[in-house]
Structure formats: structure tokens, C-alpha cells
Amino acid sequence: SVTGFKLGFLRHAEFEMLSNGSTHWKAGLACADCHMPYTRAGNKKISDHRVMSPLKMDAKACMTCHPQGKEWLAERVKAIQDRTASLQLRAGYATATAAKLFERANAAKKDGRKIDEALYAKAREYYEEAFYRVTFIGAENSMGFHNPPEALRVLGDSAFFAGKSEALLR
């Protein structure tokens, strides 16, 4: 509502993040390997259908490949997620700044002031690039863990496009 134009909203981007060359994807893992590990039901081995973070299940699924222990795993996950959250906050703030500038540009148009429509259109293109990237990472639900390098690349691009949009709007 701040920008004055309609935007789509992304949801559940986990598969796209995982399958885009992540370490776990390259190792041949699928979502169920980590989020639905095997468990015993009597004498049968079945997938656990309580889909959740492997860390909430004592990292049992992770320990199959990572014998370093659940404390090491938890620290690694938190380090990845902290880096991602830091960049997501910066990219989100930059995108929000551009949105507020659209609000001001739209108010100026309403007041009858002339604005450069070509610059406005280009700023909107950059803003949409920023918005969809930061929203993609927010919708992805792993806070970067499914593919750390890709999450940081996407957020870096988001901050870049938001900055370009802001510069044109100013």
C-alpha cells in the first residue's frame, strides 16, 4: 500500500533454494531425508511424518552424515542463519526505504508536481527486483540454511536493486 502499486507475494520457496546447487542437493538429499527421518514403529522402519526442523529432533537426521555432534550442528546452523538474518534486515530496510520514497513521489504527483516518469518507471523496476528477492528469502523458511551462498547472493542483489531504486527516486 505504501508504493501505490500491486505486487505479488511469494510463498514456500524451499525447494527452489535447496535444488539450486546446494550442498545437500549435490549430495543427493531430498526434503524428507532431513525433515522426515526414519524412525521405528515396532519392528518396522518408517519415515517420521512430523515435518519440522531437524534440530528439533535432536539432529538425528543430520547425524547420519555429520558425526560432529548436535552442539556443533546447532552452532553451524545458527551461524548461517545469523549471517542471513543480518543481510536480510539490511536488504529489507533498503527496500522499505525505496517504498517510502515511492510514497513521497506518489504524493508529489497527486499534488500536481511534475516528476520524471521514465526515472519513476525505472525505479519501480529496480524496486520490484529488490522486493521479490527479499520476499523470496523471507518466504523460504530456512533463514538461508538450505543454500547459504545462494541466500546471501539473493539478499545482496536485493540490497543492490533497492539502492538503485532509491537513487533514482531521490
N, C-alpha and C. Protein backbone atom coordinates (compact mmCIF):
# COMPACT_ATOMS: atom_id res chain seq x y z
N SER A 1 0.82 -1.20 0.00
CA SER A 1 0.00 0.00 0.00
C SER A 1 0.86 1.26 0.00
N VAL A 2 2.08 1.16 0.51
CA VAL A 2 2.96 2.33 0.57
C VAL A 2 3.37 2.77 -0.84
N THR A 3 3.68 1.82 -1.70
CA THR A 3 4.19 2.15 -3.03
C THR A 3 3.11 2.62 -4.00
N GLY A 4 1.88 2.19 -3.77
CA GLY A 4 0.80 2.55 -4.67
C GLY A 4 0.63 1.60 -5.83
N PHE A 5 1.38 0.52 -5.89
CA PHE A 5 1.17 -0.46 -6.95
C PHE A 5 1.11 -1.87 -6.37
N LYS A 6 0.41 -2.74 -7.09
CA LYS A 6 0.19 -4.11 -6.62
C LYS A 6 1.44 -4.95 -6.88
N LEU A 7 1.73 -5.79 -5.90
CA LEU A 7 2.85 -6.73 -6.02
C LEU A 7 2.37 -8.11 -5.61
N GLY A 8 2.94 -9.12 -6.21
CA GLY A 8 2.63 -10.49 -5.81
C GLY A 8 3.32 -10.81 -4.50
N PHE A 9 2.98 -11.95 -3.95
CA PHE A 9 3.64 -12.38 -2.72
C PHE A 9 4.10 -13.82 -2.90
N LEU A 10 5.33 -14.08 -2.55
CA LEU A 10 5.92 -15.40 -2.73
C LEU A 10 5.69 -16.25 -1.48
N ARG A 11 5.51 -17.55 -1.71
CA ARG A 11 5.35 -18.47 -0.60
C ARG A 11 6.13 -19.76 -0.88
N HIS A 12 6.64 -20.36 0.14
CA HIS A 12 7.24 -21.70 0.11
C HIS A 12 8.28 -21.89 -1.00
N ALA A 13 9.34 -21.15 -0.90
CA ALA A 13 10.42 -21.22 -1.89
C ALA A 13 11.50 -22.23 -1.51
N GLU A 14 11.22 -23.11 -0.58
CA GLU A 14 12.23 -24.04 -0.06
C GLU A 14 12.84 -24.91 -1.14
N PHE A 15 12.00 -25.52 -1.98
CA PHE A 15 12.53 -26.44 -2.99
C PHE A 15 13.45 -25.72 -3.97
N GLU A 16 13.06 -24.52 -4.39
CA GLU A 16 13.88 -23.77 -5.33
C GLU A 16 15.25 -23.46 -4.72
N MET A 17 15.26 -23.12 -3.44
CA MET A 17 16.53 -22.81 -2.78
C MET A 17 17.40 -24.06 -2.66
N LEU A 18 16.80 -25.15 -2.19
CA LEU A 18 17.54 -26.39 -2.00
C LEU A 18 18.08 -26.91 -3.32
N SER A 19 17.25 -26.91 -4.36
CA SER A 19 17.63 -27.55 -5.63
C SER A 19 18.56 -26.70 -6.49
N ASN A 20 18.87 -25.49 -6.06
CA ASN A 20 19.73 -24.61 -6.85
C ASN A 20 21.20 -24.81 -6.47
N GLY A 21 21.66 -26.04 -6.55
CA GLY A 21 23.07 -26.32 -6.34
C GLY A 21 23.55 -26.31 -4.90
N SER A 22 22.64 -26.51 -3.94
CA SER A 22 23.06 -26.51 -2.54
C SER A 22 23.90 -27.75 -2.23
N THR A 23 24.64 -27.68 -1.16
CA THR A 23 25.49 -28.80 -0.73
C THR A 23 24.68 -30.06 -0.54
N HIS A 24 23.54 -29.94 0.14
CA HIS A 24 22.73 -31.12 0.42
C HIS A 24 22.09 -31.67 -0.86
N TRP A 25 21.71 -30.80 -1.78
CA TRP A 25 21.15 -31.25 -3.05
C TRP A 25 22.21 -32.01 -3.84
N LYS A 26 23.43 -31.46 -3.89
CA LYS A 26 24.52 -32.12 -4.61
C LYS A 26 24.85 -33.48 -4.01
N ALA A 27 24.58 -33.64 -2.71
CA ALA A 27 24.83 -34.92 -2.05
C ALA A 27 23.69 -35.92 -2.30
N GLY A 28 22.66 -35.49 -3.05
CA GLY A 28 21.58 -36.39 -3.40
C GLY A 28 20.45 -36.44 -2.37
N LEU A 29 20.39 -35.47 -1.48
CA LEU A 29 19.35 -35.48 -0.45
C LEU A 29 18.09 -34.78 -0.94
N ALA A 30 16.98 -35.22 -0.41
CA ALA A 30 15.68 -34.60 -0.67
C ALA A 30 15.15 -34.06 0.65
N CYS A 31 14.08 -33.30 0.59
CA CYS A 31 13.49 -32.69 1.79
C CYS A 31 13.25 -33.72 2.89
N ALA A 32 12.67 -34.85 2.52
CA ALA A 32 12.30 -35.88 3.50
C ALA A 32 13.51 -36.44 4.24
N ASP A 33 14.67 -36.46 3.61
CA ASP A 33 15.86 -37.02 4.26
C ASP A 33 16.20 -36.28 5.55
N CYS A 34 16.01 -34.98 5.56
CA CYS A 34 16.33 -34.19 6.74
C CYS A 34 15.11 -33.91 7.62
N HIS A 35 13.98 -33.68 6.97
CA HIS A 35 12.79 -33.23 7.70
C HIS A 35 11.83 -34.36 8.07
N MET A 36 12.07 -35.57 7.55
CA MET A 36 11.23 -36.73 7.87
C MET A 36 12.12 -37.95 8.06
N PRO A 37 13.03 -37.92 9.03
CA PRO A 37 13.98 -39.04 9.17
C PRO A 37 13.28 -40.34 9.54
N TYR A 38 13.98 -41.42 9.30
CA TYR A 38 13.42 -42.73 9.64
C TYR A 38 13.29 -42.88 11.14
N THR A 39 12.27 -43.60 11.52
CA THR A 39 12.02 -43.93 12.92
C THR A 39 11.49 -45.36 12.96
N ARG A 40 11.44 -45.93 14.12
CA ARG A 40 10.94 -47.31 14.28
C ARG A 40 9.51 -47.27 14.81
N ALA A 41 8.67 -48.11 14.22
CA ALA A 41 7.31 -48.35 14.70
C ALA A 41 7.20 -49.86 14.86
N GLY A 42 7.45 -50.31 16.07
CA GLY A 42 7.54 -51.76 16.30
C GLY A 42 8.78 -52.28 15.62
N ASN A 43 8.62 -53.23 14.73
CA ASN A 43 9.79 -53.76 14.02
C ASN A 43 9.91 -53.18 12.61
N LYS A 44 9.14 -52.14 12.33
CA LYS A 44 9.18 -51.52 11.00
C LYS A 44 9.92 -50.18 11.04
N LYS A 45 10.62 -49.90 9.96
CA LYS A 45 11.33 -48.63 9.78
C LYS A 45 10.46 -47.76 8.87
N ILE A 46 10.02 -46.60 9.38
CA ILE A 46 9.14 -45.72 8.61
C ILE A 46 9.66 -44.28 8.69
N SER A 47 9.18 -43.46 7.76
CA SER A 47 9.50 -42.03 7.81
C SER A 47 8.65 -41.36 8.87
N ASP A 48 9.28 -40.49 9.65
CA ASP A 48 8.55 -39.71 10.64
C ASP A 48 7.79 -38.62 9.89
N HIS A 49 6.49 -38.56 10.04
CA HIS A 49 5.68 -37.60 9.30
C HIS A 49 5.42 -36.30 10.04
N ARG A 50 6.12 -36.09 11.13
CA ARG A 50 6.06 -34.80 11.82
C ARG A 50 7.14 -33.91 11.21
N VAL A 51 6.81 -33.27 10.12
CA VAL A 51 7.78 -32.46 9.38
C VAL A 51 8.14 -31.23 10.21
N MET A 52 9.44 -31.12 10.52
CA MET A 52 9.92 -29.97 11.31
C MET A 52 11.42 -29.86 11.14
N SER A 53 11.99 -28.85 11.77
CA SER A 53 13.44 -28.66 11.72
C SER A 53 14.14 -29.88 12.30
N PRO A 54 15.18 -30.36 11.62
CA PRO A 54 15.95 -31.48 12.17
C PRO A 54 16.53 -31.18 13.56
N LEU A 55 16.78 -29.91 13.85
CA LEU A 55 17.33 -29.56 15.16
C LEU A 55 16.33 -29.81 16.28
N LYS A 56 15.04 -29.77 15.96
CA LYS A 56 14.02 -30.03 16.97
C LYS A 56 13.88 -31.53 17.25
N MET A 57 14.54 -32.34 16.43
CA MET A 57 14.51 -33.79 16.60
C MET A 57 15.89 -34.29 17.01
N ASP A 58 16.58 -33.51 17.83
CA ASP A 58 17.94 -33.85 18.30
C ASP A 58 18.93 -34.05 17.16
N ALA A 59 18.68 -33.45 16.02
CA ALA A 59 19.57 -33.52 14.86
C ALA A 59 19.83 -34.96 14.42
N LYS A 60 18.90 -35.84 14.72
CA LYS A 60 19.06 -37.25 14.38
C LYS A 60 19.31 -37.46 12.89
N ALA A 61 18.56 -36.76 12.05
CA ALA A 61 18.73 -36.91 10.60
C ALA A 61 20.10 -36.42 10.16
N CYS A 62 20.59 -35.35 10.80
CA CYS A 62 21.88 -34.77 10.43
C CYS A 62 23.05 -35.69 10.80
N MET A 63 22.91 -36.38 11.91
CA MET A 63 24.00 -37.20 12.44
C MET A 63 24.36 -38.37 11.51
N THR A 64 23.46 -38.69 10.59
CA THR A 64 23.77 -39.74 9.62
C THR A 64 25.01 -39.38 8.82
N CYS A 65 25.12 -38.10 8.45
CA CYS A 65 26.26 -37.64 7.65
C CYS A 65 27.26 -36.81 8.45
N HIS A 66 26.81 -36.20 9.54
CA HIS A 66 27.64 -35.29 10.33
C HIS A 66 27.85 -35.84 11.74
N PRO A 67 28.92 -36.58 11.95
CA PRO A 67 29.15 -37.19 13.27
C PRO A 67 29.70 -36.23 14.33
N GLN A 68 29.86 -34.94 13.99
CA GLN A 68 30.47 -33.98 14.90
C GLN A 68 29.64 -33.73 16.16
N GLY A 69 28.38 -34.07 16.14
CA GLY A 69 27.54 -33.90 17.31
C GLY A 69 26.52 -32.80 17.13
N LYS A 70 25.45 -32.89 17.92
CA LYS A 70 24.34 -31.95 17.75
C LYS A 70 24.70 -30.53 18.16
N GLU A 71 25.63 -30.36 19.13
CA GLU A 71 26.04 -28.99 19.51
C GLU A 71 26.76 -28.31 18.36
N TRP A 72 27.66 -29.03 17.70
CA TRP A 72 28.38 -28.49 16.56
C TRP A 72 27.40 -28.13 15.44
N LEU A 73 26.46 -29.03 15.19
CA LEU A 73 25.46 -28.79 14.14
C LEU A 73 24.62 -27.55 14.45
N ALA A 74 24.18 -27.44 15.69
CA ALA A 74 23.34 -26.30 16.08
C ALA A 74 24.12 -24.99 15.93
N GLU A 75 25.38 -24.98 16.32
CA GLU A 75 26.20 -23.78 16.18
C GLU A 75 26.38 -23.41 14.71
N ARG A 76 26.58 -24.40 13.87
CA ARG A 76 26.76 -24.15 12.43
C ARG A 76 25.48 -23.57 11.83
N VAL A 77 24.35 -24.16 12.16
CA VAL A 77 23.07 -23.67 11.64
C VAL A 77 22.83 -22.23 12.10
N LYS A 78 23.06 -21.97 13.38
CA LYS A 78 22.83 -20.62 13.91
C LYS A 78 23.77 -19.59 13.27
N ALA A 79 24.99 -19.97 13.00
CA ALA A 79 25.93 -19.05 12.35
C ALA A 79 25.44 -18.69 10.95
N ILE A 80 24.99 -19.69 10.20
CA ILE A 80 24.46 -19.45 8.85
C ILE A 80 23.23 -18.55 8.93
N GLN A 81 22.34 -18.88 9.84
CA GLN A 81 21.09 -18.11 9.95
C GLN A 81 21.33 -16.69 10.46
N ASP A 82 22.29 -16.51 11.34
CA ASP A 82 22.61 -15.16 11.82
C ASP A 82 23.14 -14.28 10.68
N ARG A 83 24.03 -14.84 9.84
CA ARG A 83 24.55 -14.08 8.69
C ARG A 83 23.42 -13.72 7.74
N THR A 84 22.55 -14.68 7.49
CA THR A 84 21.43 -14.44 6.58
C THR A 84 20.49 -13.39 7.15
N ALA A 85 20.16 -13.50 8.43
CA ALA A 85 19.25 -12.54 9.07
C ALA A 85 19.83 -11.14 9.02
N SER A 86 21.12 -11.01 9.23
CA SER A 86 21.77 -9.70 9.20
C SER A 86 21.61 -9.06 7.83
N LEU A 87 21.90 -9.81 6.78
CA LEU A 87 21.77 -9.26 5.43
C LEU A 87 20.31 -9.08 5.04
N GLN A 88 19.43 -9.94 5.53
CA GLN A 88 18.01 -9.78 5.23
C GLN A 88 17.46 -8.49 5.85
N LEU A 89 17.91 -8.18 7.05
CA LEU A 89 17.49 -6.92 7.67
C LEU A 89 17.96 -5.71 6.87
N ARG A 90 19.20 -5.76 6.43
CA ARG A 90 19.73 -4.64 5.64
C ARG A 90 19.02 -4.51 4.30
N ALA A 91 18.80 -5.64 3.62
CA ALA A 91 18.10 -5.61 2.33
C ALA A 91 16.65 -5.17 2.52
N GLY A 92 16.02 -5.65 3.58
CA GLY A 92 14.64 -5.27 3.86
C GLY A 92 14.52 -3.79 4.18
N TYR A 93 15.46 -3.27 4.95
CA TYR A 93 15.44 -1.84 5.28
C TYR A 93 15.65 -1.00 4.02
N ALA A 94 16.57 -1.43 3.16
CA ALA A 94 16.82 -0.69 1.92
C ALA A 94 15.58 -0.72 1.02
N THR A 95 14.91 -1.86 0.96
CA THR A 95 13.69 -1.98 0.16
C THR A 95 12.58 -1.11 0.74
N ALA A 96 12.45 -1.10 2.06
CA ALA A 96 11.44 -0.27 2.71
C ALA A 96 11.72 1.22 2.50
N THR A 97 12.98 1.59 2.49
CA THR A 97 13.34 2.98 2.23
C THR A 97 12.87 3.40 0.83
N ALA A 98 13.11 2.53 -0.14
CA ALA A 98 12.65 2.83 -1.50
C ALA A 98 11.12 2.92 -1.54
N ALA A 99 10.45 2.05 -0.81
CA ALA A 99 8.98 2.08 -0.78
C ALA A 99 8.48 3.42 -0.24
N LYS A 100 9.11 3.91 0.80
CA LYS A 100 8.72 5.20 1.36
C LYS A 100 8.96 6.34 0.37
N LEU A 101 10.00 6.22 -0.43
CA LEU A 101 10.26 7.24 -1.44
C LEU A 101 9.21 7.20 -2.55
N PHE A 102 8.70 6.00 -2.86
CA PHE A 102 7.58 5.92 -3.81
C PHE A 102 6.36 6.62 -3.23
N GLU A 103 6.15 6.45 -1.94
CA GLU A 103 5.03 7.12 -1.29
C GLU A 103 5.14 8.64 -1.46
N ARG A 104 6.34 9.15 -1.29
CA ARG A 104 6.56 10.60 -1.45
C ARG A 104 6.41 11.04 -2.90
N ALA A 105 6.91 10.22 -3.84
CA ALA A 105 6.78 10.55 -5.26
C ALA A 105 5.30 10.54 -5.66
N ASN A 106 4.55 9.57 -5.16
CA ASN A 106 3.13 9.49 -5.48
C ASN A 106 2.38 10.69 -4.90
N ALA A 107 2.76 11.12 -3.70
CA ALA A 107 2.13 12.30 -3.08
C ALA A 107 2.45 13.54 -3.92
N ALA A 108 3.68 13.63 -4.42
CA ALA A 108 4.05 14.77 -5.26
C ALA A 108 3.21 14.80 -6.53
N LYS A 109 3.00 13.62 -7.14
CA LYS A 109 2.16 13.55 -8.35
C LYS A 109 0.73 13.99 -8.04
N LYS A 110 0.21 13.56 -6.89
CA LYS A 110 -1.15 13.95 -6.50
C LYS A 110 -1.28 15.45 -6.30
N ASP A 111 -0.21 16.05 -5.79
CA ASP A 111 -0.19 17.50 -5.55
C ASP A 111 0.01 18.29 -6.84
N GLY A 112 0.14 17.58 -7.95
CA GLY A 112 0.29 18.26 -9.23
C GLY A 112 1.72 18.58 -9.61
N ARG A 113 2.68 18.15 -8.80
CA ARG A 113 4.08 18.39 -9.16
C ARG A 113 4.51 17.41 -10.24
N LYS A 114 5.36 17.89 -11.12
CA LYS A 114 5.83 17.05 -12.23
C LYS A 114 7.00 16.19 -11.75
N ILE A 115 6.92 14.91 -12.09
CA ILE A 115 8.06 14.02 -11.83
C ILE A 115 8.48 13.40 -13.15
N ASP A 116 9.71 12.97 -13.22
CA ASP A 116 10.23 12.33 -14.43
C ASP A 116 9.69 10.89 -14.47
N GLU A 117 8.73 10.64 -15.36
CA GLU A 117 8.06 9.34 -15.43
C GLU A 117 9.02 8.21 -15.84
N ALA A 118 10.01 8.53 -16.66
CA ALA A 118 10.97 7.50 -17.07
C ALA A 118 11.81 7.05 -15.87
N LEU A 119 12.25 8.01 -15.05
CA LEU A 119 13.01 7.66 -13.85
C LEU A 119 12.14 6.88 -12.87
N TYR A 120 10.88 7.32 -12.73
CA TYR A 120 9.94 6.65 -11.85
C TYR A 120 9.75 5.19 -12.29
N ALA A 121 9.57 4.97 -13.57
CA ALA A 121 9.36 3.61 -14.10
C ALA A 121 10.60 2.74 -13.87
N LYS A 122 11.76 3.30 -14.09
CA LYS A 122 13.00 2.53 -13.88
C LYS A 122 13.18 2.24 -12.39
N ALA A 123 12.87 3.20 -11.54
CA ALA A 123 12.95 2.99 -10.09
C ALA A 123 11.99 1.89 -9.67
N ARG A 124 10.82 1.86 -10.27
CA ARG A 124 9.85 0.80 -9.95
C ARG A 124 10.39 -0.57 -10.35
N GLU A 125 11.01 -0.66 -11.52
CA GLU A 125 11.61 -1.93 -11.95
C GLU A 125 12.64 -2.41 -10.93
N TYR A 126 13.52 -1.50 -10.52
CA TYR A 126 14.54 -1.87 -9.53
C TYR A 126 13.91 -2.25 -8.20
N TYR A 127 12.88 -1.50 -7.80
CA TYR A 127 12.20 -1.79 -6.54
C TYR A 127 11.59 -3.20 -6.58
N GLU A 128 10.94 -3.54 -7.66
CA GLU A 128 10.32 -4.87 -7.77
C GLU A 128 11.38 -5.96 -7.71
N GLU A 129 12.53 -5.74 -8.35
CA GLU A 129 13.63 -6.70 -8.26
C GLU A 129 14.06 -6.89 -6.80
N ALA A 130 14.17 -5.79 -6.08
CA ALA A 130 14.57 -5.85 -4.66
C ALA A 130 13.49 -6.53 -3.83
N PHE A 131 12.25 -6.11 -4.02
CA PHE A 131 11.14 -6.63 -3.24
C PHE A 131 11.00 -8.14 -3.40
N TYR A 132 11.01 -8.63 -4.63
CA TYR A 132 10.81 -10.06 -4.84
C TYR A 132 11.98 -10.89 -4.31
N ARG A 133 13.16 -10.35 -4.34
CA ARG A 133 14.30 -11.09 -3.79
C ARG A 133 14.23 -11.17 -2.26
N VAL A 134 13.98 -10.07 -1.61
CA VAL A 134 13.93 -10.10 -0.14
C VAL A 134 12.72 -10.91 0.33
N THR A 135 11.62 -10.84 -0.40
CA THR A 135 10.44 -11.63 -0.06
C THR A 135 10.69 -13.12 -0.28
N PHE A 136 11.42 -13.46 -1.33
CA PHE A 136 11.76 -14.86 -1.61
C PHE A 136 12.50 -15.49 -0.44
N ILE A 137 13.49 -14.79 0.07
CA ILE A 137 14.26 -15.32 1.19
C ILE A 137 13.40 -15.39 2.46
N GLY A 138 12.56 -14.40 2.67
CA GLY A 138 11.67 -14.44 3.82
C GLY A 138 10.68 -15.58 3.76
N ALA A 139 10.22 -15.91 2.56
CA ALA A 139 9.24 -16.99 2.39
C ALA A 139 9.88 -18.36 2.45
N GLU A 140 11.19 -18.43 2.36
CA GLU A 140 11.90 -19.69 2.20
C GLU A 140 11.96 -20.54 3.46
N ASN A 141 11.81 -19.99 4.60
CA ASN A 141 11.66 -20.71 5.87
C ASN A 141 12.91 -21.35 6.48
N SER A 142 14.06 -21.30 5.84
CA SER A 142 15.24 -21.89 6.47
C SER A 142 16.21 -20.82 6.95
N MET A 143 15.86 -19.57 6.72
CA MET A 143 16.74 -18.43 7.04
C MET A 143 18.13 -18.68 6.47
N GLY A 144 18.14 -19.16 5.21
CA GLY A 144 19.39 -19.32 4.48
C GLY A 144 20.04 -20.68 4.58
N PHE A 145 19.62 -21.53 5.51
CA PHE A 145 20.32 -22.78 5.72
C PHE A 145 20.25 -23.72 4.52
N HIS A 146 19.15 -23.76 3.81
CA HIS A 146 19.03 -24.69 2.69
C HIS A 146 20.07 -24.43 1.60
N ASN A 147 20.54 -23.20 1.49
CA ASN A 147 21.54 -22.87 0.48
C ASN A 147 22.19 -21.53 0.86
N PRO A 148 23.13 -21.56 1.82
CA PRO A 148 23.71 -20.31 2.32
C PRO A 148 24.28 -19.38 1.26
N PRO A 149 25.11 -19.86 0.33
CA PRO A 149 25.66 -18.92 -0.66
C PRO A 149 24.58 -18.28 -1.52
N GLU A 150 23.58 -19.06 -1.89
CA GLU A 150 22.52 -18.52 -2.75
C GLU A 150 21.66 -17.52 -1.98
N ALA A 151 21.36 -17.80 -0.72
CA ALA A 151 20.57 -16.86 0.08
C ALA A 151 21.30 -15.52 0.20
N LEU A 152 22.59 -15.56 0.46
CA LEU A 152 23.36 -14.32 0.59
C LEU A 152 23.47 -13.59 -0.75
N ARG A 153 23.60 -14.34 -1.84
CA ARG A 153 23.64 -13.71 -3.17
C ARG A 153 22.32 -13.00 -3.46
N VAL A 154 21.21 -13.68 -3.21
CA VAL A 154 19.89 -13.11 -3.50
C VAL A 154 19.66 -11.86 -2.65
N LEU A 155 20.03 -11.91 -1.37
CA LEU A 155 19.85 -10.75 -0.50
C LEU A 155 20.78 -9.60 -0.89
N GLY A 156 21.99 -9.93 -1.29
CA GLY A 156 22.91 -8.89 -1.77
C GLY A 156 22.35 -8.20 -3.00
N ASP A 157 21.79 -8.99 -3.92
CA ASP A 157 21.15 -8.42 -5.11
C ASP A 157 19.96 -7.55 -4.71
N SER A 158 19.20 -8.00 -3.72
CA SER A 158 18.05 -7.22 -3.26
C SER A 158 18.50 -5.85 -2.76
N ALA A 159 19.52 -5.83 -1.93
CA ALA A 159 20.02 -4.56 -1.40
C ALA A 159 20.54 -3.67 -2.53
N PHE A 160 21.20 -4.27 -3.51
CA PHE A 160 21.71 -3.52 -4.66
C PHE A 160 20.57 -2.86 -5.43
N PHE A 161 19.54 -3.65 -5.78
CA PHE A 161 18.42 -3.10 -6.54
C PHE A 161 17.65 -2.06 -5.74
N ALA A 162 17.51 -2.27 -4.45
CA ALA A 162 16.85 -1.27 -3.61
C ALA A 162 17.63 0.05 -3.62
N GLY A 163 18.94 -0.05 -3.56
CA GLY A 163 19.78 1.15 -3.61
C GLY A 163 19.65 1.89 -4.93
N LYS A 164 19.59 1.13 -6.03
CA LYS A 164 19.41 1.74 -7.36
C LYS A 164 18.05 2.46 -7.43
N SER A 165 17.02 1.80 -6.89
CA SER A 165 15.69 2.40 -6.88
C SER A 165 15.69 3.69 -6.06
N GLU A 166 16.29 3.61 -4.88
CA GLU A 166 16.36 4.80 -4.01
C GLU A 166 17.07 5.96 -4.71
N ALA A 167 18.18 5.64 -5.37
CA ALA A 167 18.94 6.70 -6.03
C ALA A 167 18.11 7.40 -7.11
N LEU A 168 17.39 6.62 -7.88
CA LEU A 168 16.56 7.23 -8.93
C LEU A 168 15.40 8.04 -8.35
N LEU A 169 14.81 7.53 -7.27
CA LEU A 169 13.69 8.25 -6.66
C LEU A 169 14.15 9.56 -6.01
N ARG A 170 15.33 9.54 -5.45
CA ARG A 170 15.83 10.79 -4.82
C ARG A 170 16.12 11.83 -5.89
